[in-house]
Amino acid sequence: MAEGTGVDRAVRFRWDGAVPKFDAFGREIGEDTLSGLGGSEPAPQATPQPVPSTSWSESPAAATFGAPVEDPPAAPPRTQPAAPQATFTIPGTVPVSSIPGVRRRRGMSGFGCLIGIVVLAAVVAGPVIAIVSFVGAADDAIDDVTGIIDGTTTIDPAPEIDRPPPVGIAGRSMVSEANFGAALRRVGDKGIGQPLSIRLSPDRASLQMLKGNKLRPNVTLDYLGGFNLGVVSTGGSGAPTFKLDSIDPGAPARLVRASAERFPALKPNRIDYLVASTDAIEGGHRWVAYYKNGNGYVLGSARGRVERRIKP
């Protein structure tokens, strides 16, 4: 026991000496864990490099216990996938290949172009042929109907005017020599026979024509130029007629003027109509002029000479 102390100093234990440090698995830090397997000397420990981020390929154990960490390989640069190239065109529009950013389609071969042209011509020719056939059929149908009409009635349409019908024996009146003569020539050109009778008024001429046993009872020509051959009926064969070319076109107007000179009450503008019919006594034909307002009528010759007046 040392002097100056009442108690012997206890034996000092080395509790505070150098104590080895161990990791979480009970291994001394710095120990070569592969030495028991016959490995080489432990490689010097590399100083861990700071890693910005941990990827899924990194080992958590290596990152925790200081194992060598290699820099992750650089990721390849991302590229935008190429857009599919259009390889078609729409008929009647601008080709898709001419749009910027779209690859132009390679040209067709000469044989392919020829086939395309032939197909296009066939497609276009089909409707054209159908239209031409339809128009041709329509024309044939119209010709058939026209032929049927021509066999029965001929009509020359007259222009429409807003003026009132003519009166008297001059101007547009059918009683005038010029207009009545033109009407007789048109009837003669048709070759429809000879007249049985004629009714002539300022606005129209109506004739009964007979050829053999074919009777046309109402052949009409008006002051507008209209010409209607009427319908054909059978009958009248042997009835007395007079020759169309024997008619004096100036006789009707001449009879009206002579009647006005002889009978002052019978004015030319009061004429209603005239009738030419067969003269059963002397042959040929004669005219009778009928007036408006009950003024009676005047008998005349084929040349338009006044014979006598018949009062009502």
C-alpha atoms as a PDB file:
ATOM      1  CA  MET A   1       0.000   0.000   0.000  1.00  0.00           C
ATOM      2  CA  ALA A   2       1.420   3.281  -0.867  1.00  0.00           C
ATOM      3  CA  GLU A   3       2.094   5.827   1.581  1.00  0.00           C
ATOM      4  CA  GLY A   4      -0.270   8.611   2.225  1.00  0.00           C
ATOM      5  CA  THR A   5      -3.314   6.608   1.224  1.00  0.00           C
ATOM      6  CA  GLY A   6      -5.637   4.838   3.442  1.00  0.00           C
ATOM      7  CA  VAL A   7      -6.900   2.447   0.788  1.00  0.00           C
ATOM      8  CA  ASP A   8      -4.937   0.378  -1.598  1.00  0.00           C
ATOM      9  CA  ARG A   9      -5.428   1.609  -5.140  1.00  0.00           C
ATOM     10  CA  ALA A  10      -7.281  -0.916  -7.184  1.00  0.00           C
ATOM     11  CA  VAL A  11      -5.669  -2.719 -10.028  1.00  0.00           C
ATOM     12  CA  ARG A  12      -6.182  -0.703 -13.129  1.00  0.00           C
ATOM     13  CA  PHE A  13      -8.039  -2.479 -15.940  1.00  0.00           C
ATOM     14  CA  ARG A  14      -7.517  -1.579 -19.578  1.00  0.00           C
ATOM     15  CA  TRP A  15     -11.152  -0.813 -20.190  1.00  0.00           C
ATOM     16  CA  ASP A  16     -10.234   2.409 -21.837  1.00  0.00           C
ATOM     17  CA  GLY A  17      -7.554   0.978 -24.015  1.00  0.00           C
ATOM     18  CA  ALA A  18      -7.691   0.540 -27.712  1.00  0.00           C
ATOM     19  CA  VAL A  19     -10.906  -1.277 -28.513  1.00  0.00           C
ATOM     20  CA  PRO A  20     -11.305  -2.633 -31.995  1.00  0.00           C
ATOM     21  CA  LYS A  21     -14.187  -1.252 -34.031  1.00  0.00           C
ATOM     22  CA  PHE A  22     -16.583  -3.586 -35.743  1.00  0.00           C
ATOM     23  CA  ASP A  23     -19.176  -3.072 -38.465  1.00  0.00           C
ATOM     24  CA  ALA A  24     -22.857  -4.115 -38.315  1.00  0.00           C
ATOM     25  CA  PHE A  25     -21.961  -7.701 -39.281  1.00  0.00           C
ATOM     26  CA  GLY A  26     -19.398  -8.237 -36.512  1.00  0.00           C
ATOM     27  CA  ARG A  27     -16.370  -7.819 -38.729  1.00  0.00           C
ATOM     28  CA  GLU A  28     -13.500  -5.663 -37.653  1.00  0.00           C
ATOM     29  CA  ILE A  29     -13.266  -2.630 -39.726  1.00  0.00           C
ATOM     30  CA  GLY A  30     -10.276  -2.921 -42.027  1.00  0.00           C
ATOM     31  CA  GLU A  31     -10.189  -6.713 -41.940  1.00  0.00           C
ATOM     32  CA  ASP A  32      -9.829  -8.482 -45.267  1.00  0.00           C
ATOM     33  CA  THR A  33     -12.983 -10.544 -45.539  1.00  0.00           C
ATOM     34  CA  LEU A  34     -11.556 -12.673 -48.380  1.00  0.00           C
ATOM     35  CA  SER A  35      -8.319 -13.630 -46.585  1.00  0.00           C
ATOM     36  CA  GLY A  36      -9.780 -16.930 -45.501  1.00  0.00           C
ATOM     37  CA  LEU A  37     -10.502 -17.828 -49.119  1.00  0.00           C
ATOM     38  CA  GLY A  38      -6.911 -17.577 -50.219  1.00  0.00           C
ATOM     39  CA  GLY A  39      -7.273 -14.214 -51.884  1.00  0.00           C
ATOM     40  CA  SER A  40      -4.530 -11.688 -52.405  1.00  0.00           C
ATOM     41  CA  GLU A  41      -3.668  -8.808 -50.218  1.00  0.00           C
ATOM     42  CA  PRO A  42      -6.506  -6.464 -49.656  1.00  0.00           C
ATOM     43  CA  ALA A  43      -6.595  -3.642 -52.114  1.00  0.00           C
ATOM     44  CA  PRO A  44      -6.373  -0.191 -50.719  1.00  0.00           C
ATOM     45  CA  GLN A  45      -9.768   1.170 -49.957  1.00  0.00           C
ATOM     46  CA  ALA A  46     -10.926   3.746 -52.470  1.00  0.00           C
ATOM     47  CA  THR A  47     -12.374   6.936 -51.298  1.00  0.00           C
ATOM     48  CA  PRO A  48     -16.055   6.968 -52.195  1.00  0.00           C
ATOM     49  CA  GLN A  49     -16.978   9.601 -54.790  1.00  0.00           C
ATOM     50  CA  PRO A  50     -20.059  11.634 -54.228  1.00  0.00           C
ATOM     51  CA  VAL A  51     -22.870  10.353 -56.415  1.00  0.00           C
ATOM     52  CA  PRO A  52     -25.515  12.884 -57.481  1.00  0.00           C
ATOM     53  CA  SER A  53     -28.265  10.332 -57.592  1.00  0.00           C
ATOM     54  CA  THR A  54     -28.647   6.631 -56.996  1.00  0.00           C
ATOM     55  CA  SER A  55     -29.829   4.569 -59.968  1.00  0.00           C
ATOM     56  CA  TRP A  56     -31.562   1.199 -59.810  1.00  0.00           C
ATOM     57  CA  SER A  57     -28.348  -0.499 -61.021  1.00  0.00           C
ATOM     58  CA  GLU A  58     -26.255   0.623 -58.021  1.00  0.00           C
ATOM     59  CA  SER A  59     -25.733  -1.848 -55.165  1.00  0.00           C
ATOM     60  CA  PRO A  60     -27.221  -0.634 -51.874  1.00  0.00           C
ATOM     61  CA  ALA A  61     -24.665  -2.640 -49.888  1.00  0.00           C
ATOM     62  CA  ALA A  62     -21.743  -1.119 -51.739  1.00  0.00           C
ATOM     63  CA  ALA A  63     -23.110   2.328 -51.238  1.00  0.00           C
ATOM     64  CA  THR A  64     -23.537   1.649 -47.525  1.00  0.00           C
ATOM     65  CA  PHE A  65     -20.253  -0.086 -46.668  1.00  0.00           C
ATOM     66  CA  GLY A  66     -17.840   1.805 -48.808  1.00  0.00           C
ATOM     67  CA  ALA A  67     -17.393  -0.676 -51.694  1.00  0.00           C
ATOM     68  CA  PRO A  68     -15.914   0.795 -54.824  1.00  0.00           C
ATOM     69  CA  VAL A  69     -18.562   2.611 -56.792  1.00  0.00           C
ATOM     70  CA  GLU A  70     -18.125   3.208 -60.473  1.00  0.00           C
ATOM     71  CA  ASP A  71     -19.685   6.105 -62.279  1.00  0.00           C
ATOM     72  CA  PRO A  72     -22.822   4.991 -64.081  1.00  0.00           C
ATOM     73  CA  PRO A  73     -22.438   4.842 -67.847  1.00  0.00           C
ATOM     74  CA  ALA A  74     -23.707   7.888 -69.632  1.00  0.00           C
ATOM     75  CA  ALA A  75     -27.230   7.359 -70.978  1.00  0.00           C
ATOM     76  CA  PRO A  76     -27.435   7.505 -74.743  1.00  0.00           C
ATOM     77  CA  PRO A  77     -29.080  10.687 -76.018  1.00  0.00           C
ATOM     78  CA  ARG A  78     -32.778  10.356 -76.633  1.00  0.00           C
ATOM     79  CA  THR A  79     -33.886  10.738 -80.210  1.00  0.00           C
ATOM     80  CA  GLN A  80     -37.379  11.455 -81.581  1.00  0.00           C
ATOM     81  CA  PRO A  81     -38.741   8.397 -83.392  1.00  0.00           C
ATOM     82  CA  ALA A  82     -39.007   8.957 -87.090  1.00  0.00           C
ATOM     83  CA  ALA A  83     -42.524   9.685 -88.329  1.00  0.00           C
ATOM     84  CA  PRO A  84     -43.947   7.099 -90.697  1.00  0.00           C
ATOM     85  CA  GLN A  85     -43.591   8.115 -94.280  1.00  0.00           C
ATOM     86  CA  ALA A  86     -46.764   8.595 -96.360  1.00  0.00           C
ATOM     87  CA  THR A  87     -46.733   6.470 -99.455  1.00  0.00           C
ATOM     88  CA  PHE A  88     -50.136   7.240-100.892  1.00  0.00           C
ATOM     89  CA  THR A  89     -51.908   9.982-102.800  1.00  0.00           C
ATOM     90  CA  ILE A  90     -55.574  10.966-102.898  1.00  0.00           C
ATOM     91  CA  PRO A  91     -57.095  11.290-106.380  1.00  0.00           C
ATOM     92  CA  GLY A  92     -57.991  14.846-107.277  1.00  0.00           C
ATOM     93  CA  THR A  93     -55.803  16.410-104.514  1.00  0.00           C
ATOM     94  CA  VAL A  94     -52.232  17.519-104.029  1.00  0.00           C
ATOM     95  CA  PRO A  95     -49.992  14.456-103.467  1.00  0.00           C
ATOM     96  CA  VAL A  96     -49.133  13.880 -99.820  1.00  0.00           C
ATOM     97  CA  SER A  97     -45.472  13.478-100.768  1.00  0.00           C
ATOM     98  CA  SER A  98     -45.331  17.159-101.747  1.00  0.00           C
ATOM     99  CA  ILE A  99     -46.049  18.257 -98.165  1.00  0.00           C
ATOM    100  CA  PRO A 100     -42.884  19.459 -96.374  1.00  0.00           C
ATOM    101  CA  GLY A 101     -41.541  16.839 -94.002  1.00  0.00           C
ATOM    102  CA  VAL A 102     -43.045  13.913 -95.887  1.00  0.00           C
ATOM    103  CA  ARG A 103     -40.772  11.749 -97.979  1.00  0.00           C
ATOM    104  CA  ARG A 104     -41.611  11.792-101.671  1.00  0.00           C
ATOM    105  CA  ARG A 105     -42.732   8.511-103.143  1.00  0.00           C
ATOM    106  CA  ARG A 106     -40.583   6.928-105.766  1.00  0.00           C
ATOM    107  CA  GLY A 107     -41.883   7.322-109.295  1.00  0.00           C
ATOM    108  CA  MET A 108     -43.781   4.520-110.969  1.00  0.00           C
ATOM    109  CA  SER A 109     -42.291   2.609-113.787  1.00  0.00           C
ATOM    110  CA  GLY A 110     -43.372   3.235-117.372  1.00  0.00           C
ATOM    111  CA  PHE A 111     -45.423   0.040-117.436  1.00  0.00           C
ATOM    112  CA  GLY A 112     -47.221   0.992-114.193  1.00  0.00           C
ATOM    113  CA  CYS A 113     -48.072   4.437-115.583  1.00  0.00           C
ATOM    114  CA  LEU A 114     -49.497   2.836-118.707  1.00  0.00           C
ATOM    115  CA  ILE A 115     -51.734   0.550-116.637  1.00  0.00           C
ATOM    116  CA  GLY A 116     -52.931   3.522-114.550  1.00  0.00           C
ATOM    117  CA  ILE A 117     -53.819   5.510-117.662  1.00  0.00           C
ATOM    118  CA  VAL A 118     -55.764   2.573-119.129  1.00  0.00           C
ATOM    119  CA  VAL A 119     -57.726   2.086-115.879  1.00  0.00           C
ATOM    120  CA  LEU A 120     -58.487   5.819-115.629  1.00  0.00           C
ATOM    121  CA  ALA A 121     -59.689   5.903-119.245  1.00  0.00           C
ATOM    122  CA  ALA A 122     -62.011   2.964-118.593  1.00  0.00           C
ATOM    123  CA  VAL A 123     -63.469   4.624-115.485  1.00  0.00           C
ATOM    124  CA  VAL A 124     -64.098   7.923-117.317  1.00  0.00           C
ATOM    125  CA  ALA A 125     -65.424   6.316-120.504  1.00  0.00           C
ATOM    126  CA  GLY A 126     -68.152   4.357-118.707  1.00  0.00           C
ATOM    127  CA  PRO A 127     -70.320   7.341-117.631  1.00  0.00           C
ATOM    128  CA  VAL A 128     -69.711   9.111-120.960  1.00  0.00           C
ATOM    129  CA  ILE A 129     -70.967   6.091-122.926  1.00  0.00           C
ATOM    130  CA  ALA A 130     -74.029   5.836-120.667  1.00  0.00           C
ATOM    131  CA  ILE A 131     -74.877   9.525-121.175  1.00  0.00           C
ATOM    132  CA  VAL A 132     -74.477   9.287-124.953  1.00  0.00           C
ATOM    133  CA  SER A 133     -76.706   6.208-125.044  1.00  0.00           C
ATOM    134  CA  PHE A 134     -79.365   7.938-122.944  1.00  0.00           C
ATOM    135  CA  VAL A 135     -79.341  11.051-125.158  1.00  0.00           C
ATOM    136  CA  GLY A 136     -79.572   8.900-128.279  1.00  0.00           C
ATOM    137  CA  ALA A 137     -82.537   6.991-126.876  1.00  0.00           C
ATOM    138  CA  ALA A 138     -84.267  10.247-125.928  1.00  0.00           C
ATOM    139  CA  ASP A 139     -83.736  11.639-129.444  1.00  0.00           C
ATOM    140  CA  ASP A 140     -85.243   8.489-130.955  1.00  0.00           C
ATOM    141  CA  ALA A 141     -88.296   8.769-128.702  1.00  0.00           C
ATOM    142  CA  ILE A 142     -88.765  12.442-129.642  1.00  0.00           C
ATOM    143  CA  ASP A 143     -88.501  11.594-133.353  1.00  0.00           C
ATOM    144  CA  ASP A 144     -91.155   8.902-132.968  1.00  0.00           C
ATOM    145  CA  VAL A 145     -93.584  11.282-131.252  1.00  0.00           C
ATOM    146  CA  THR A 146     -92.886  14.005-133.829  1.00  0.00           C
ATOM    147  CA  GLY A 147     -93.597  11.575-136.652  1.00  0.00           C
ATOM    148  CA  ILE A 148     -96.964  10.685-135.156  1.00  0.00           C
ATOM    149  CA  ILE A 149     -97.911  14.353-134.783  1.00  0.00           C
ATOM    150  CA  ASP A 150     -96.827  15.178-138.345  1.00  0.00           C
ATOM    151  CA  GLY A 151     -99.066  12.414-139.641  1.00  0.00           C
ATOM    152  CA  THR A 152    -102.164  14.102-138.206  1.00  0.00           C
ATOM    153  CA  THR A 153    -101.710  17.790-137.467  1.00  0.00           C
ATOM    154  CA  THR A 154     -99.180  20.445-138.430  1.00  0.00           C
ATOM    155  CA  ILE A 155     -98.990  23.500-136.211  1.00  0.00           C
ATOM    156  CA  ASP A 156     -96.843  26.531-136.859  1.00  0.00           C
ATOM    157  CA  PRO A 157     -96.692  28.364-133.520  1.00  0.00           C
ATOM    158  CA  ALA A 158     -97.436  32.057-133.711  1.00  0.00           C
ATOM    159  CA  PRO A 159     -95.660  34.720-131.640  1.00  0.00           C
ATOM    160  CA  GLU A 160     -97.610  36.140-128.740  1.00  0.00           C
ATOM    161  CA  ILE A 161     -98.410  39.840-128.799  1.00  0.00           C
ATOM    162  CA  ASP A 162    -100.445  42.010-126.473  1.00  0.00           C
ATOM    163  CA  ARG A 163    -102.219  44.013-129.184  1.00  0.00           C
ATOM    164  CA  PRO A 164    -105.931  43.408-129.869  1.00  0.00           C
ATOM    165  CA  PRO A 165    -106.900  41.435-132.987  1.00  0.00           C
ATOM    166  CA  PRO A 166    -107.221  43.404-136.217  1.00  0.00           C
ATOM    167  CA  VAL A 167    -110.467  44.795-137.670  1.00  0.00           C
ATOM    168  CA  GLY A 168    -111.456  45.941-141.146  1.00  0.00           C
ATOM    169  CA  ILE A 169    -109.703  44.939-144.364  1.00  0.00           C
ATOM    170  CA  ALA A 170    -106.252  46.550-144.119  1.00  0.00           C
ATOM    171  CA  GLY A 171    -103.024  46.209-142.146  1.00  0.00           C
ATOM    172  CA  ARG A 172    -102.825  42.938-140.208  1.00  0.00           C
ATOM    173  CA  SER A 173    -106.304  41.858-141.280  1.00  0.00           C
ATOM    174  CA  MET A 174    -106.522  38.494-143.007  1.00  0.00           C
ATOM    175  CA  VAL A 175    -109.077  40.050-145.413  1.00  0.00           C
ATOM    176  CA  SER A 176    -106.350  42.146-147.016  1.00  0.00           C
ATOM    177  CA  GLU A 177    -105.187  40.895-150.411  1.00  0.00           C
ATOM    178  CA  ALA A 178    -101.569  40.326-149.263  1.00  0.00           C
ATOM    179  CA  ASN A 179    -102.415  38.327-146.134  1.00  0.00           C
ATOM    180  CA  PHE A 180    -105.165  36.257-147.753  1.00  0.00           C
ATOM    181  CA  GLY A 181    -102.959  35.469-150.736  1.00  0.00           C
ATOM    182  CA  ALA A 182    -100.145  34.262-148.436  1.00  0.00           C
ATOM    183  CA  ALA A 183    -102.585  32.008-146.591  1.00  0.00           C
ATOM    184  CA  LEU A 184    -103.826  30.433-149.857  1.00  0.00           C
ATOM    185  CA  ARG A 185    -100.262  29.675-150.919  1.00  0.00           C
ATOM    186  CA  ARG A 186     -99.464  27.963-147.628  1.00  0.00           C
ATOM    187  CA  VAL A 187    -102.541  25.753-147.926  1.00  0.00           C
ATOM    188  CA  GLY A 188    -101.715  24.870-151.512  1.00  0.00           C
ATOM    189  CA  ASP A 189     -98.178  23.847-150.566  1.00  0.00           C
ATOM    190  CA  LYS A 190     -99.575  21.188-148.201  1.00  0.00           C
ATOM    191  CA  GLY A 191    -101.358  19.312-151.003  1.00  0.00           C
ATOM    192  CA  ILE A 192    -104.428  18.545-148.911  1.00  0.00           C
ATOM    193  CA  GLY A 193    -107.033  18.826-151.677  1.00  0.00           C
ATOM    194  CA  GLN A 194    -109.589  21.450-152.778  1.00  0.00           C
ATOM    195  CA  PRO A 195    -111.839  23.714-150.674  1.00  0.00           C
ATOM    196  CA  LEU A 196    -115.483  22.991-149.962  1.00  0.00           C
ATOM    197  CA  SER A 197    -115.882  26.392-148.290  1.00  0.00           C
ATOM    198  CA  ILE A 198    -113.824  29.259-146.810  1.00  0.00           C
ATOM    199  CA  ARG A 199    -114.687  31.502-143.867  1.00  0.00           C
ATOM    200  CA  LEU A 200    -112.554  34.649-143.815  1.00  0.00           C
ATOM    201  CA  SER A 201    -112.510  37.165-140.951  1.00  0.00           C
ATOM    202  CA  PRO A 202    -110.024  39.919-140.019  1.00  0.00           C
ATOM    203  CA  ASP A 203    -108.266  37.652-137.493  1.00  0.00           C
ATOM    204  CA  ARG A 204    -108.291  34.256-139.264  1.00  0.00           C
ATOM    205  CA  ALA A 205    -109.072  32.111-142.311  1.00  0.00           C
ATOM    206  CA  SER A 206    -110.787  28.728-141.834  1.00  0.00           C
ATOM    207  CA  LEU A 207    -111.064  26.277-144.733  1.00  0.00           C
ATOM    208  CA  GLN A 208    -112.856  22.957-145.287  1.00  0.00           C
ATOM    209  CA  MET A 209    -110.562  20.871-147.483  1.00  0.00           C
ATOM    210  CA  LEU A 210    -111.391  17.617-149.262  1.00  0.00           C
ATOM    211  CA  LYS A 211    -109.046  15.172-150.961  1.00  0.00           C
ATOM    212  CA  GLY A 212    -110.705  11.957-152.141  1.00  0.00           C
ATOM    213  CA  ASN A 213    -112.552  10.690-149.079  1.00  0.00           C
ATOM    214  CA  LYS A 214    -110.265  12.506-146.575  1.00  0.00           C
ATOM    215  CA  LEU A 215    -111.927  15.565-145.134  1.00  0.00           C
ATOM    216  CA  ARG A 216    -110.187  18.277-143.112  1.00  0.00           C
ATOM    217  CA  PRO A 217    -113.071  20.366-141.784  1.00  0.00           C
ATOM    218  CA  ASN A 218    -111.046  23.012-139.936  1.00  0.00           C
ATOM    219  CA  VAL A 219    -107.770  24.107-141.530  1.00  0.00           C
ATOM    220  CA  THR A 220    -106.952  27.395-139.788  1.00  0.00           C
ATOM    221  CA  LEU A 221    -104.484  30.232-140.420  1.00  0.00           C
ATOM    222  CA  ASP A 222    -104.440  33.315-138.189  1.00  0.00           C
ATOM    223  CA  TYR A 223    -103.024  36.839-138.435  1.00  0.00           C
ATOM    224  CA  LEU A 224    -100.151  35.880-136.092  1.00  0.00           C
ATOM    225  CA  GLY A 225     -98.856  33.300-138.555  1.00  0.00           C
ATOM    226  CA  GLY A 226    -100.325  30.222-136.875  1.00  0.00           C
ATOM    227  CA  PHE A 227    -101.221  27.316-139.180  1.00  0.00           C
ATOM    228  CA  ASN A 228    -103.270  24.309-138.013  1.00  0.00           C
ATOM    229  CA  LEU A 229    -104.151  21.502-140.419  1.00  0.00           C
ATOM    230  CA  GLY A 230    -106.758  20.128-138.028  1.00  0.00           C
ATOM    231  CA  VAL A 231    -107.840  16.479-137.888  1.00  0.00           C
ATOM    232  CA  VAL A 232    -108.570  14.127-140.770  1.00  0.00           C
ATOM    233  CA  SER A 233    -111.873  12.309-141.084  1.00  0.00           C
ATOM    234  CA  THR A 234    -113.405  10.092-143.754  1.00  0.00           C
ATOM    235  CA  GLY A 235    -116.420  11.241-145.721  1.00  0.00           C
ATOM    236  CA  GLY A 236    -117.457  13.939-148.129  1.00  0.00           C
ATOM    237  CA  SER A 237    -116.424  11.966-151.163  1.00  0.00           C
ATOM    238  CA  GLY A 238    -118.149  13.441-154.254  1.00  0.00           C
ATOM    239  CA  ALA A 239    -119.106  16.731-152.538  1.00  0.00           C
ATOM    240  CA  PRO A 240    -118.845  19.811-154.811  1.00  0.00           C
ATOM    241  CA  THR A 241    -115.556  21.681-154.428  1.00  0.00           C
ATOM    242  CA  PHE A 242    -113.891  24.558-156.253  1.00  0.00           C
ATOM    243  CA  LYS A 243    -110.301  24.934-157.260  1.00  0.00           C
ATOM    244  CA  LEU A 244    -107.934  26.553-154.821  1.00  0.00           C
ATOM    245  CA  ASP A 245    -105.982  28.287-157.590  1.00  0.00           C
ATOM    246  CA  SER A 246    -109.189  29.828-158.947  1.00  0.00           C
ATOM    247  CA  ILE A 247    -109.604  32.032-155.852  1.00  0.00           C
ATOM    248  CA  ASP A 248    -108.841  35.717-156.352  1.00  0.00           C
ATOM    249  CA  PRO A 249    -107.048  36.830-153.127  1.00  0.00           C
ATOM    250  CA  GLY A 250    -108.203  40.440-153.665  1.00  0.00           C
ATOM    251  CA  ALA A 251    -111.899  39.609-154.151  1.00  0.00           C
ATOM    252  CA  PRO A 252    -112.953  39.735-150.424  1.00  0.00           C
ATOM    253  CA  ALA A 253    -111.483  43.205-149.768  1.00  0.00           C
ATOM    254  CA  ARG A 254    -112.819  44.416-153.104  1.00  0.00           C
ATOM    255  CA  LEU A 255    -116.363  43.302-152.202  1.00  0.00           C
ATOM    256  CA  VAL A 256    -116.222  45.117-148.831  1.00  0.00           C
ATOM    257  CA  ARG A 257    -115.045  48.384-150.382  1.00  0.00           C
ATOM    258  CA  ALA A 258    -117.675  48.191-153.139  1.00  0.00           C
ATOM    259  CA  SER A 259    -120.391  47.548-150.562  1.00  0.00           C
ATOM    260  CA  ALA A 260    -119.342  50.639-148.562  1.00  0.00           C
ATOM    261  CA  GLU A 261    -119.511  52.776-151.701  1.00  0.00           C
ATOM    262  CA  ARG A 262    -122.939  51.496-152.633  1.00  0.00           C
ATOM    263  CA  PHE A 263    -124.405  51.253-149.134  1.00  0.00           C
ATOM    264  CA  PRO A 264    -123.023  54.007-146.838  1.00  0.00           C
ATOM    265  CA  ALA A 265    -124.165  52.222-143.661  1.00  0.00           C
ATOM    266  CA  LEU A 266    -121.823  49.291-144.429  1.00  0.00           C
ATOM    267  CA  LYS A 267    -118.461  50.585-143.206  1.00  0.00           C
ATOM    268  CA  PRO A 268    -115.315  48.479-143.888  1.00  0.00           C
ATOM    269  CA  ASN A 269    -114.418  48.395-140.176  1.00  0.00           C
ATOM    270  CA  ARG A 270    -117.860  46.878-139.485  1.00  0.00           C
ATOM    271  CA  ILE A 271    -117.192  43.750-141.524  1.00  0.00           C
ATOM    272  CA  ASP A 272    -117.658  40.580-139.486  1.00  0.00           C
ATOM    273  CA  TYR A 273    -116.612  37.816-141.912  1.00  0.00           C
ATOM    274  CA  LEU A 274    -116.939  36.608-145.523  1.00  0.00           C
ATOM    275  CA  VAL A 275    -117.810  33.138-146.840  1.00  0.00           C
ATOM    276  CA  ALA A 276    -116.779  31.541-150.141  1.00  0.00           C
ATOM    277  CA  SER A 277    -118.815  28.508-151.243  1.00  0.00           C
ATOM    278  CA  THR A 278    -119.630  26.587-154.396  1.00  0.00           C
ATOM    279  CA  ASP A 279    -121.973  28.274-156.870  1.00  0.00           C
ATOM    280  CA  ALA A 280    -124.404  25.485-157.658  1.00  0.00           C
ATOM    281  CA  ILE A 281    -125.971  27.426-160.578  1.00  0.00           C
ATOM    282  CA  GLU A 282    -123.046  28.914-162.484  1.00  0.00           C
ATOM    283  CA  GLY A 283    -120.288  26.688-161.076  1.00  0.00           C
ATOM    284  CA  GLY A 284    -117.156  27.870-159.415  1.00  0.00           C
ATOM    285  CA  HIS A 285    -117.675  29.852-156.213  1.00  0.00           C
ATOM    286  CA  ARG A 286    -119.116  33.138-154.921  1.00  0.00           C
ATOM    287  CA  TRP A 287    -118.638  35.407-151.879  1.00  0.00           C
ATOM    288  CA  VAL A 288    -121.057  36.651-149.228  1.00  0.00           C
ATOM    289  CA  ALA A 289    -120.032  39.505-146.843  1.00  0.00           C
ATOM    290  CA  TYR A 290    -121.616  39.570-143.366  1.00  0.00           C
ATOM    291  CA  TYR A 291    -121.633  42.728-141.214  1.00  0.00           C
ATOM    292  CA  LYS A 292    -121.874  43.441-137.496  1.00  0.00           C
ATOM    293  CA  ASN A 293    -124.742  45.116-135.614  1.00  0.00           C
ATOM    294  CA  GLY A 294    -127.454  43.459-137.681  1.00  0.00           C
ATOM    295  CA  ASN A 295    -126.699  45.307-140.939  1.00  0.00           C
ATOM    296  CA  GLY A 296    -127.381  42.201-143.011  1.00  0.00           C
ATOM    297  CA  TYR A 297    -125.109  40.833-145.752  1.00  0.00           C
ATOM    298  CA  VAL A 298    -124.105  41.452-149.345  1.00  0.00           C
ATOM    299  CA  LEU A 299    -123.927  38.877-152.163  1.00  0.00           C
ATOM    300  CA  GLY A 300    -120.935  39.125-154.455  1.00  0.00           C
ATOM    301  CA  SER A 301    -119.257  37.381-157.354  1.00  0.00           C
ATOM    302  CA  ALA A 302    -116.026  35.412-157.377  1.00  0.00           C
ATOM    303  CA  ARG A 303    -114.237  38.650-158.407  1.00  0.00           C
ATOM    304  CA  GLY A 304    -115.754  40.740-155.639  1.00  0.00           C
ATOM    305  CA  ARG A 305    -118.445  42.553-157.577  1.00  0.00           C
ATOM    306  CA  VAL A 306    -121.561  43.588-155.589  1.00  0.00           C
ATOM    307  CA  GLU A 307    -124.704  41.778-156.707  1.00  0.00           C
ATOM    308  CA  ARG A 308    -127.233  42.694-154.031  1.00  0.00           C
ATOM    309  CA  ARG A 309    -127.736  43.451-150.350  1.00  0.00           C
ATOM    310  CA  ILE A 310    -129.871  41.311-148.082  1.00  0.00           C
ATOM    311  CA  LYS A 311    -131.263  43.186-145.056  1.00  0.00           C
ATOM    312  CA  PRO A 312    -132.140  41.393-141.825  1.00  0.00           C
END
